[in-house]
Amino acid sequence: SRKSHLTPDMLSLIGALESFFKTRDDAGRIVCATKTGVYAFYDYDGEPIYVGQTYESIRTRIRRHLTNQRTDAVAMHVLDPLEVARVEVWPRQDLDAQAMSTRRQWLDRAEFTVYTRLLGQARVSRLLNEKAPAPALPIELPESYAGEIVSAEIMARLGHSDERIARRAATIANLAQVIKERDVSLGLRRTLVTQAKRLELLATARHDEVAGETPPEQVARETERSGEEDNG
């Protein structure tokens, strides 16, 4: 089967996603079966990284994003599925039976509202969306439902800063290769800049963490040696 070729980490991700997809609201309805909704992905630091909308099924759309290599965001190396630690959704079950024009109008406004809100929470003031939602009138959002999709073991391992730096650098390299070989949108180039800024933020934080744990005399020796190499 296709699943037999997946890595243990991806199988764990799929299993956690399927558990999240069983979430029910107070009325007993399966939240992610809703066909009208907005969703967001967060990384291991709780940073918002991607926002989208769907009118087919929330679980179908998220499943394609994170477990199907044919989706644009994954195939173009915009999004690394194993960098997503948390998912949040804003469903509107009552709109599922409405006309598509009504659903699209709400989806556009809801997506813009969520995107704008999360953009303000992102430390780099950017998300990975290749195309930002068109400006729309903000709305009051429905109740959201969120869930962690990584186990404690994966959080400890893949959540390690050095592991994430390496994965993020690889994602950037793959995205840069796509940009070099194809006629891509300006938005995709903007996404490359966003990923580079996110890598810089993570690498800087890790450097400062290690420096803080390094004896001062070792820091002094390395600084002196580095200066000698630069002058040599």
C-alpha atoms as a PDB file:
ATOM      1  CA  SER A   1       0.000   0.000   0.000  1.00  0.00           C
ATOM      2  CA  ARG A   2       1.003   3.627  -0.407  1.00  0.00           C
ATOM      3  CA  LYS A   3       1.217   4.090   3.370  1.00  0.00           C
ATOM      4  CA  SER A   4       3.801   1.324   3.648  1.00  0.00           C
ATOM      5  CA  HIS A   5       6.282   3.602   1.868  1.00  0.00           C
ATOM      6  CA  LEU A   6       5.827   6.483   4.314  1.00  0.00           C
ATOM      7  CA  THR A   7       8.325   7.281   7.061  1.00  0.00           C
ATOM      8  CA  PRO A   8       7.378   6.611  10.699  1.00  0.00           C
ATOM      9  CA  ASP A   9       7.199  10.376  11.252  1.00  0.00           C
ATOM     10  CA  MET A  10       4.678  10.820   8.434  1.00  0.00           C
ATOM     11  CA  LEU A  11       2.638   7.869   9.681  1.00  0.00           C
ATOM     12  CA  SER A  12       2.569   9.466  13.128  1.00  0.00           C
ATOM     13  CA  LEU A  13       1.446  12.758  11.588  1.00  0.00           C
ATOM     14  CA  ILE A  14      -1.331  11.033   9.651  1.00  0.00           C
ATOM     15  CA  GLY A  15      -2.503   9.185  12.757  1.00  0.00           C
ATOM     16  CA  ALA A  16      -2.639  12.379  14.823  1.00  0.00           C
ATOM     17  CA  LEU A  17      -4.478  14.186  12.027  1.00  0.00           C
ATOM     18  CA  GLU A  18      -7.089  11.458  11.818  1.00  0.00           C
ATOM     19  CA  SER A  19      -7.628  11.732  15.573  1.00  0.00           C
ATOM     20  CA  PHE A  20      -8.069  15.492  15.293  1.00  0.00           C
ATOM     21  CA  PHE A  21     -10.550  15.002  12.445  1.00  0.00           C
ATOM     22  CA  LYS A  22     -12.844  13.169  14.897  1.00  0.00           C
ATOM     23  CA  THR A  23     -13.286  16.320  17.020  1.00  0.00           C
ATOM     24  CA  ARG A  24     -16.963  17.123  17.655  1.00  0.00           C
ATOM     25  CA  ASP A  25     -18.676  20.365  18.606  1.00  0.00           C
ATOM     26  CA  ASP A  26     -21.174  20.770  21.442  1.00  0.00           C
ATOM     27  CA  ALA A  27     -23.956  19.568  19.160  1.00  0.00           C
ATOM     28  CA  GLY A  28     -22.097  16.337  18.433  1.00  0.00           C
ATOM     29  CA  ARG A  29     -21.239  17.262  14.843  1.00  0.00           C
ATOM     30  CA  ILE A  30     -17.826  16.293  13.436  1.00  0.00           C
ATOM     31  CA  VAL A  31     -16.129  19.660  13.042  1.00  0.00           C
ATOM     32  CA  CYS A  32     -13.770  18.821  10.200  1.00  0.00           C
ATOM     33  CA  ALA A  33     -16.521  17.225   8.106  1.00  0.00           C
ATOM     34  CA  THR A  34     -17.770  20.768   7.546  1.00  0.00           C
ATOM     35  CA  LYS A  35     -17.513  21.833   3.902  1.00  0.00           C
ATOM     36  CA  THR A  36     -17.151  25.540   4.646  1.00  0.00           C
ATOM     37  CA  GLY A  37     -14.261  26.719   6.761  1.00  0.00           C
ATOM     38  CA  VAL A  38     -10.897  28.368   7.263  1.00  0.00           C
ATOM     39  CA  TYR A  39      -7.828  26.621   8.666  1.00  0.00           C
ATOM     40  CA  ALA A  40      -4.366  27.591   9.927  1.00  0.00           C
ATOM     41  CA  PHE A  41      -1.102  25.779  10.573  1.00  0.00           C
ATOM     42  CA  TYR A  42       1.388  26.538  13.364  1.00  0.00           C
ATOM     43  CA  ASP A  43       4.987  25.403  13.799  1.00  0.00           C
ATOM     44  CA  TYR A  44       6.778  23.940  16.835  1.00  0.00           C
ATOM     45  CA  ASP A  45       7.144  27.395  18.393  1.00  0.00           C
ATOM     46  CA  GLY A  46       3.424  28.071  18.058  1.00  0.00           C
ATOM     47  CA  GLU A  47       4.176  30.490  15.209  1.00  0.00           C
ATOM     48  CA  PRO A  48       1.401  30.789  12.601  1.00  0.00           C
ATOM     49  CA  ILE A  49       2.783  29.798   9.214  1.00  0.00           C
ATOM     50  CA  TYR A  50      -0.105  29.233   6.782  1.00  0.00           C
ATOM     51  CA  VAL A  51      -3.791  30.098   6.365  1.00  0.00           C
ATOM     52  CA  GLY A  52      -6.278  28.685   3.881  1.00  0.00           C
ATOM     53  CA  GLN A  53      -9.966  28.261   3.127  1.00  0.00           C
ATOM     54  CA  THR A  54     -12.033  25.400   1.763  1.00  0.00           C
ATOM     55  CA  TYR A  55     -15.503  24.744   0.395  1.00  0.00           C
ATOM     56  CA  GLU A  56     -15.041  21.018  -0.181  1.00  0.00           C
ATOM     57  CA  SER A  57     -14.327  19.639   3.326  1.00  0.00           C
ATOM     58  CA  ILE A  58     -11.971  20.866   5.993  1.00  0.00           C
ATOM     59  CA  ARG A  59     -10.479  17.446   6.635  1.00  0.00           C
ATOM     60  CA  THR A  60     -10.082  16.701   2.923  1.00  0.00           C
ATOM     61  CA  ARG A  61      -8.296  19.969   2.317  1.00  0.00           C
ATOM     62  CA  ILE A  62      -5.967  19.659   5.322  1.00  0.00           C
ATOM     63  CA  ARG A  63      -5.285  16.010   4.544  1.00  0.00           C
ATOM     64  CA  ARG A  64      -4.231  16.944   1.000  1.00  0.00           C
ATOM     65  CA  HIS A  65      -2.032  19.757   2.302  1.00  0.00           C
ATOM     66  CA  LEU A  66      -0.128  17.698   4.828  1.00  0.00           C
ATOM     67  CA  THR A  67      -0.127  14.145   3.462  1.00  0.00           C
ATOM     68  CA  ASN A  68      -0.405  14.489  -0.319  1.00  0.00           C
ATOM     69  CA  GLN A  69       2.717  15.490  -2.254  1.00  0.00           C
ATOM     70  CA  ARG A  70       0.600  16.696  -5.191  1.00  0.00           C
ATOM     71  CA  THR A  71      -0.698  19.789  -3.428  1.00  0.00           C
ATOM     72  CA  ASP A  72       0.882  23.006  -4.663  1.00  0.00           C
ATOM     73  CA  ALA A  73       2.107  24.151  -1.250  1.00  0.00           C
ATOM     74  CA  VAL A  74       3.996  20.896  -0.668  1.00  0.00           C
ATOM     75  CA  ALA A  75       5.072  20.142  -4.244  1.00  0.00           C
ATOM     76  CA  MET A  76       6.511  23.642  -4.616  1.00  0.00           C
ATOM     77  CA  HIS A  77       8.313  23.308  -1.256  1.00  0.00           C
ATOM     78  CA  VAL A  78       6.401  26.199   0.267  1.00  0.00           C
ATOM     79  CA  LEU A  79       5.367  24.097   3.233  1.00  0.00           C
ATOM     80  CA  ASP A  80       7.154  21.260   5.016  1.00  0.00           C
ATOM     81  CA  PRO A  81       4.399  19.041   6.493  1.00  0.00           C
ATOM     82  CA  LEU A  82       6.713  17.873   9.276  1.00  0.00           C
ATOM     83  CA  GLU A  83       7.138  21.460  10.432  1.00  0.00           C
ATOM     84  CA  VAL A  84       3.439  21.703  11.281  1.00  0.00           C
ATOM     85  CA  ALA A  85       2.783  20.950  14.941  1.00  0.00           C
ATOM     86  CA  ARG A  86      -0.703  22.378  15.441  1.00  0.00           C
ATOM     87  CA  VAL A  87      -3.830  22.880  13.350  1.00  0.00           C
ATOM     88  CA  GLU A  88      -6.716  25.273  13.999  1.00  0.00           C
ATOM     89  CA  VAL A  89     -10.016  25.414  12.097  1.00  0.00           C
ATOM     90  CA  TRP A  90     -12.973  27.823  11.943  1.00  0.00           C
ATOM     91  CA  PRO A  91     -15.994  25.874  10.589  1.00  0.00           C
ATOM     92  CA  ARG A  92     -19.387  27.178   9.447  1.00  0.00           C
ATOM     93  CA  GLN A  93     -21.626  24.107   9.269  1.00  0.00           C
ATOM     94  CA  ASP A  94     -24.708  26.264   8.763  1.00  0.00           C
ATOM     95  CA  LEU A  95     -23.362  27.520   5.419  1.00  0.00           C
ATOM     96  CA  ASP A  96     -22.772  24.105   3.870  1.00  0.00           C
ATOM     97  CA  ALA A  97     -26.228  24.050   2.292  1.00  0.00           C
ATOM     98  CA  GLN A  98     -26.122  27.676   1.138  1.00  0.00           C
ATOM     99  CA  ALA A  99     -25.463  28.901  -2.393  1.00  0.00           C
ATOM    100  CA  MET A 100     -21.825  28.845  -3.429  1.00  0.00           C
ATOM    101  CA  SER A 101     -21.792  32.628  -3.831  1.00  0.00           C
ATOM    102  CA  THR A 102     -22.857  33.040  -0.198  1.00  0.00           C
ATOM    103  CA  ARG A 103     -20.249  30.560   0.992  1.00  0.00           C
ATOM    104  CA  ARG A 104     -17.471  32.168  -1.040  1.00  0.00           C
ATOM    105  CA  GLN A 105     -18.314  35.612   0.298  1.00  0.00           C
ATOM    106  CA  TRP A 106     -18.066  34.415   3.897  1.00  0.00           C
ATOM    107  CA  LEU A 107     -14.927  32.371   3.194  1.00  0.00           C
ATOM    108  CA  ASP A 108     -13.117  35.339   1.644  1.00  0.00           C
ATOM    109  CA  ARG A 109     -13.943  37.575   4.602  1.00  0.00           C
ATOM    110  CA  ALA A 110     -13.148  34.888   7.179  1.00  0.00           C
ATOM    111  CA  GLU A 111      -9.839  33.960   5.561  1.00  0.00           C
ATOM    112  CA  PHE A 112      -8.789  37.619   5.427  1.00  0.00           C
ATOM    113  CA  THR A 113      -9.779  38.076   9.072  1.00  0.00           C
ATOM    114  CA  VAL A 114      -7.770  35.038  10.228  1.00  0.00           C
ATOM    115  CA  TYR A 115      -4.823  35.891   7.984  1.00  0.00           C
ATOM    116  CA  THR A 116      -4.645  39.465   9.272  1.00  0.00           C
ATOM    117  CA  ARG A 117      -4.920  38.343  12.900  1.00  0.00           C
ATOM    118  CA  LEU A 118      -2.193  35.718  12.583  1.00  0.00           C
ATOM    119  CA  LEU A 119       0.040  37.999  10.554  1.00  0.00           C
ATOM    120  CA  GLY A 120       0.120  40.279  13.569  1.00  0.00           C
ATOM    121  CA  GLN A 121       1.214  37.355  15.759  1.00  0.00           C
ATOM    122  CA  ALA A 122       4.053  36.157  13.504  1.00  0.00           C
ATOM    123  CA  ARG A 123       7.468  37.344  14.651  1.00  0.00           C
ATOM    124  CA  VAL A 124       8.636  37.870  11.067  1.00  0.00           C
ATOM    125  CA  SER A 125       5.311  39.587  10.200  1.00  0.00           C
ATOM    126  CA  ARG A 126       4.896  37.178   7.284  1.00  0.00           C
ATOM    127  CA  LEU A 127       3.155  33.889   6.540  1.00  0.00           C
ATOM    128  CA  LEU A 128       4.125  31.286   3.950  1.00  0.00           C
ATOM    129  CA  ASN A 129       1.091  31.819   1.728  1.00  0.00           C
ATOM    130  CA  GLU A 130       2.211  32.348  -1.849  1.00  0.00           C
ATOM    131  CA  LYS A 131      -0.758  34.656  -2.327  1.00  0.00           C
ATOM    132  CA  ALA A 132      -2.235  36.768   0.463  1.00  0.00           C
ATOM    133  CA  PRO A 133      -6.049  36.818   0.685  1.00  0.00           C
ATOM    134  CA  ALA A 134      -7.706  39.714  -1.097  1.00  0.00           C
ATOM    135  CA  PRO A 135      -8.609  42.557   1.290  1.00  0.00           C
ATOM    136  CA  ALA A 136     -12.132  42.152   2.649  1.00  0.00           C
ATOM    137  CA  LEU A 137     -14.285  43.425   5.475  1.00  0.00           C
ATOM    138  CA  PRO A 138     -13.258  41.654   8.707  1.00  0.00           C
ATOM    139  CA  ILE A 139     -15.937  39.571  10.384  1.00  0.00           C
ATOM    140  CA  GLU A 140     -16.621  38.020  13.759  1.00  0.00           C
ATOM    141  CA  LEU A 141     -15.240  34.517  13.495  1.00  0.00           C
ATOM    142  CA  PRO A 142     -17.043  31.389  14.690  1.00  0.00           C
ATOM    143  CA  GLU A 143     -15.615  29.264  17.486  1.00  0.00           C
ATOM    144  CA  SER A 144     -12.352  27.643  16.483  1.00  0.00           C
ATOM    145  CA  TYR A 145     -11.083  24.137  17.225  1.00  0.00           C
ATOM    146  CA  ALA A 146      -7.384  23.356  17.527  1.00  0.00           C
ATOM    147  CA  GLY A 147      -5.263  20.278  18.057  1.00  0.00           C
ATOM    148  CA  GLU A 148      -1.648  19.221  18.334  1.00  0.00           C
ATOM    149  CA  ILE A 149      -0.650  16.798  15.575  1.00  0.00           C
ATOM    150  CA  VAL A 150       2.777  15.748  16.864  1.00  0.00           C
ATOM    151  CA  SER A 151       3.511  13.272  19.612  1.00  0.00           C
ATOM    152  CA  ALA A 152       5.719  14.094  22.583  1.00  0.00           C
ATOM    153  CA  GLU A 153       8.466  11.927  21.071  1.00  0.00           C
ATOM    154  CA  ILE A 154       8.373  13.733  17.739  1.00  0.00           C
ATOM    155  CA  MET A 155       8.158  17.110  19.451  1.00  0.00           C
ATOM    156  CA  ALA A 156      11.331  16.299  21.395  1.00  0.00           C
ATOM    157  CA  ARG A 157      13.176  15.064  18.311  1.00  0.00           C
ATOM    158  CA  LEU A 158      11.934  17.035  15.306  1.00  0.00           C
ATOM    159  CA  GLY A 159      11.297  20.035  17.542  1.00  0.00           C
ATOM    160  CA  HIS A 160      14.982  20.330  18.401  1.00  0.00           C
ATOM    161  CA  SER A 161      16.327  23.604  17.033  1.00  0.00           C
ATOM    162  CA  ASP A 162      19.233  22.040  15.114  1.00  0.00           C
ATOM    163  CA  GLU A 163      16.873  19.535  13.471  1.00  0.00           C
ATOM    164  CA  ARG A 164      14.489  22.321  12.491  1.00  0.00           C
ATOM    165  CA  ILE A 165      17.296  24.515  11.170  1.00  0.00           C
ATOM    166  CA  ALA A 166      18.468  21.679   8.922  1.00  0.00           C
ATOM    167  CA  ARG A 167      14.950  20.893   7.669  1.00  0.00           C
ATOM    168  CA  ARG A 168      14.160  24.558   7.056  1.00  0.00           C
ATOM    169  CA  ALA A 169      17.419  25.086   5.181  1.00  0.00           C
ATOM    170  CA  ALA A 170      16.614  22.059   3.000  1.00  0.00           C
ATOM    171  CA  THR A 171      13.142  23.446   2.302  1.00  0.00           C
ATOM    172  CA  ILE A 172      14.670  26.768   1.270  1.00  0.00           C
ATOM    173  CA  ALA A 173      17.170  25.030  -1.024  1.00  0.00           C
ATOM    174  CA  ASN A 174      14.387  23.004  -2.679  1.00  0.00           C
ATOM    175  CA  LEU A 175      12.206  26.086  -3.090  1.00  0.00           C
ATOM    176  CA  ALA A 176      15.118  28.042  -4.580  1.00  0.00           C
ATOM    177  CA  GLN A 177      15.671  25.191  -7.046  1.00  0.00           C
ATOM    178  CA  VAL A 178      12.017  25.341  -8.115  1.00  0.00           C
ATOM    179  CA  ILE A 179      12.267  29.107  -8.602  1.00  0.00           C
ATOM    180  CA  LYS A 180      15.444  28.717 -10.649  1.00  0.00           C
ATOM    181  CA  GLU A 181      13.917  26.127 -12.977  1.00  0.00           C
ATOM    182  CA  ARG A 182      10.399  27.480 -13.471  1.00  0.00           C
ATOM    183  CA  ASP A 183       8.546  30.635 -14.388  1.00  0.00           C
ATOM    184  CA  VAL A 184       7.110  31.281 -10.938  1.00  0.00           C
ATOM    185  CA  SER A 185       4.998  33.997  -9.396  1.00  0.00           C
ATOM    186  CA  LEU A 186       6.388  36.928  -7.470  1.00  0.00           C
ATOM    187  CA  GLY A 187       4.478  35.515  -4.513  1.00  0.00           C
ATOM    188  CA  LEU A 188       6.595  32.369  -4.544  1.00  0.00           C
ATOM    189  CA  ARG A 189       9.744  34.474  -4.440  1.00  0.00           C
ATOM    190  CA  ARG A 190       8.225  36.356  -1.491  1.00  0.00           C
ATOM    191  CA  THR A 191       7.676  33.016   0.229  1.00  0.00           C
ATOM    192  CA  LEU A 192      11.379  32.247  -0.232  1.00  0.00           C
ATOM    193  CA  VAL A 193      12.203  35.510   1.538  1.00  0.00           C
ATOM    194  CA  THR A 194       9.795  34.596   4.345  1.00  0.00           C
ATOM    195  CA  GLN A 195      11.403  31.184   4.817  1.00  0.00           C
ATOM    196  CA  ALA A 196      14.855  32.792   4.845  1.00  0.00           C
ATOM    197  CA  LYS A 197      13.761  35.241   7.553  1.00  0.00           C
ATOM    198  CA  ARG A 198      12.282  32.383   9.580  1.00  0.00           C
ATOM    199  CA  LEU A 199      15.546  30.442   9.229  1.00  0.00           C
ATOM    200  CA  GLU A 200      17.558  33.451  10.360  1.00  0.00           C
ATOM    201  CA  LEU A 201      15.322  33.888  13.396  1.00  0.00           C
ATOM    202  CA  LEU A 202      15.638  30.241  14.386  1.00  0.00           C
ATOM    203  CA  ALA A 203      19.392  30.049  13.734  1.00  0.00           C
ATOM    204  CA  THR A 204      20.024  33.238  15.700  1.00  0.00           C
ATOM    205  CA  ALA A 205      18.020  31.982  18.667  1.00  0.00           C
ATOM    206  CA  ARG A 206      19.923  28.680  18.611  1.00  0.00           C
ATOM    207  CA  HIS A 207      23.283  30.458  18.375  1.00  0.00           C
ATOM    208  CA  ASP A 208      22.411  32.635  21.355  1.00  0.00           C
ATOM    209  CA  GLU A 209      21.239  29.591  23.306  1.00  0.00           C
ATOM    210  CA  VAL A 210      24.473  27.691  22.678  1.00  0.00           C
ATOM    211  CA  ALA A 211      26.576  30.801  23.347  1.00  0.00           C
ATOM    212  CA  GLY A 212      24.842  31.211  26.686  1.00  0.00           C
ATOM    213  CA  GLU A 213      25.796  27.643  27.620  1.00  0.00           C
ATOM    214  CA  THR A 214      29.403  27.994  26.432  1.00  0.00           C
ATOM    215  CA  PRO A 215      32.141  28.912  28.951  1.00  0.00           C
ATOM    216  CA  PRO A 216      33.305  32.517  28.413  1.00  0.00           C
ATOM    217  CA  GLU A 217      36.920  31.449  27.874  1.00  0.00           C
ATOM    218  CA  GLN A 218      35.884  29.132  25.016  1.00  0.00           C
ATOM    219  CA  VAL A 219      33.851  31.921  23.407  1.00  0.00           C
ATOM    220  CA  ALA A 220      36.896  34.195  23.672  1.00  0.00           C
ATOM    221  CA  ARG A 221      39.179  31.572  22.073  1.00  0.00           C
ATOM    222  CA  GLU A 222      36.772  30.955  19.191  1.00  0.00           C
ATOM    223  CA  THR A 223      36.310  34.685  18.622  1.00  0.00           C
ATOM    224  CA  GLU A 224      40.096  35.210  18.566  1.00  0.00           C
ATOM    225  CA  ARG A 225      40.619  32.283  16.191  1.00  0.00           C
ATOM    226  CA  SER A 226      37.896  33.541  13.888  1.00  0.00           C
ATOM    227  CA  GLY A 227      39.552  36.953  13.752  1.00  0.00           C
ATOM    228  CA  GLU A 228      42.901  35.395  12.865  1.00  0.00           C
ATOM    229  CA  GLU A 229      41.334  33.409  10.023  1.00  0.00           C
ATOM    230  CA  ASP A 230      39.651  36.528   8.647  1.00  0.00           C
ATOM    231  CA  ASN A 231      42.992  38.350   8.635  1.00  0.00           C
ATOM    232  CA  GLY A 232      44.965  35.413   7.297  1.00  0.00           C
END
